[in-house]
């Protein structure tokens, strides 16, 4: 199942730039020039992959919401 029907929100104040989300869901997340995570393409991976990447965030800076 694709992750295209979800909204991914990143709390930029909480993000420490660990890169776990980028590593675990390549294409969905990227890091800006300051190392802070950004959403690139929510549909680039399966929902399960995105959920795993979200759970890998060490500071819980990423949340998911069904649309």
Protein backbone atom coordinates (compact mmCIF):
# COMPACT_ATOMS: atom_id res chain seq x y z
CA UNK A 1 0.00 0.00 0.00
CA UNK A 2 1.33 3.40 -0.98
CA UNK A 3 1.73 6.22 1.50
CA UNK A 4 0.04 8.71 -0.84
CA UNK A 5 -3.12 9.02 1.31
CA UNK A 6 -1.36 10.27 4.40
CA UNK A 7 -0.08 13.61 5.57
CA UNK A 8 3.44 13.57 6.98
CA UNK A 9 4.32 16.39 9.34
CA UNK A 10 7.80 17.15 10.63
CA UNK A 11 8.31 19.30 13.72
CA UNK A 12 11.33 21.29 12.60
CA UNK A 13 11.98 22.49 16.16
CA UNK A 14 12.30 18.90 17.40
CA UNK A 15 14.27 17.47 14.46
CA UNK A 16 17.94 16.91 15.27
CA UNK A 17 18.94 15.82 11.76
CA UNK A 18 19.84 12.23 12.59
CA UNK A 19 18.88 11.16 9.07
CA UNK A 20 17.13 7.96 10.18
CA UNK A 21 14.01 8.89 8.22
CA UNK A 22 16.02 9.55 5.05
CA UNK A 23 17.92 6.28 5.44
CA UNK A 24 14.81 4.21 6.17
CA UNK A 25 12.45 5.77 3.59
CA UNK A 26 14.62 7.00 0.75
CA UNK A 27 12.75 9.35 -1.54
CA UNK A 28 10.06 10.14 1.02
CA UNK A 29 12.32 12.23 3.20
CA UNK A 30 15.32 14.43 2.50
CA UNK A 31 17.40 16.80 4.58
CA UNK A 32 17.66 20.52 3.88
CA UNK A 33 20.94 22.42 3.92
CA UNK A 34 20.76 22.64 7.73
CA UNK A 35 20.26 18.88 8.06
CA UNK A 36 16.61 19.19 9.07
CA UNK A 37 14.24 16.59 7.62
CA UNK A 38 11.73 17.53 4.94
CA UNK A 39 9.08 15.56 3.11
CA UNK A 40 10.06 15.03 -0.52
CA UNK A 41 7.54 12.52 -1.94
CA UNK A 42 5.16 10.68 0.41
CA UNK A 43 4.30 8.16 -2.31
CA UNK A 44 7.93 7.13 -2.94
CA UNK A 45 7.66 4.18 -0.52
CA UNK A 46 5.01 1.92 0.94
CA UNK A 47 3.01 2.97 3.97
CA UNK A 48 4.75 0.30 6.01
CA UNK A 49 8.15 1.70 5.08
CA UNK A 50 7.09 5.23 5.98
CA UNK A 51 5.67 4.05 9.31
CA UNK A 52 8.98 2.33 10.09
CA UNK A 53 10.93 5.47 9.20
CA UNK A 54 8.65 7.56 11.42
CA UNK A 55 9.16 5.15 14.31
CA UNK A 56 12.94 5.34 13.81
CA UNK A 57 13.04 9.07 14.60
CA UNK A 58 14.94 9.35 17.90
CA UNK A 59 13.06 12.50 18.98
CA UNK A 60 9.58 11.66 17.61
CA UNK A 61 9.60 14.70 15.33
CA UNK A 62 7.50 13.07 12.59
CA UNK A 63 3.79 12.38 12.68
CA UNK A 64 1.36 10.76 10.26
CA UNK A 65 -2.28 11.59 9.60
CA UNK A 66 -4.71 9.73 7.34
CA UNK A 67 -6.37 11.91 4.70
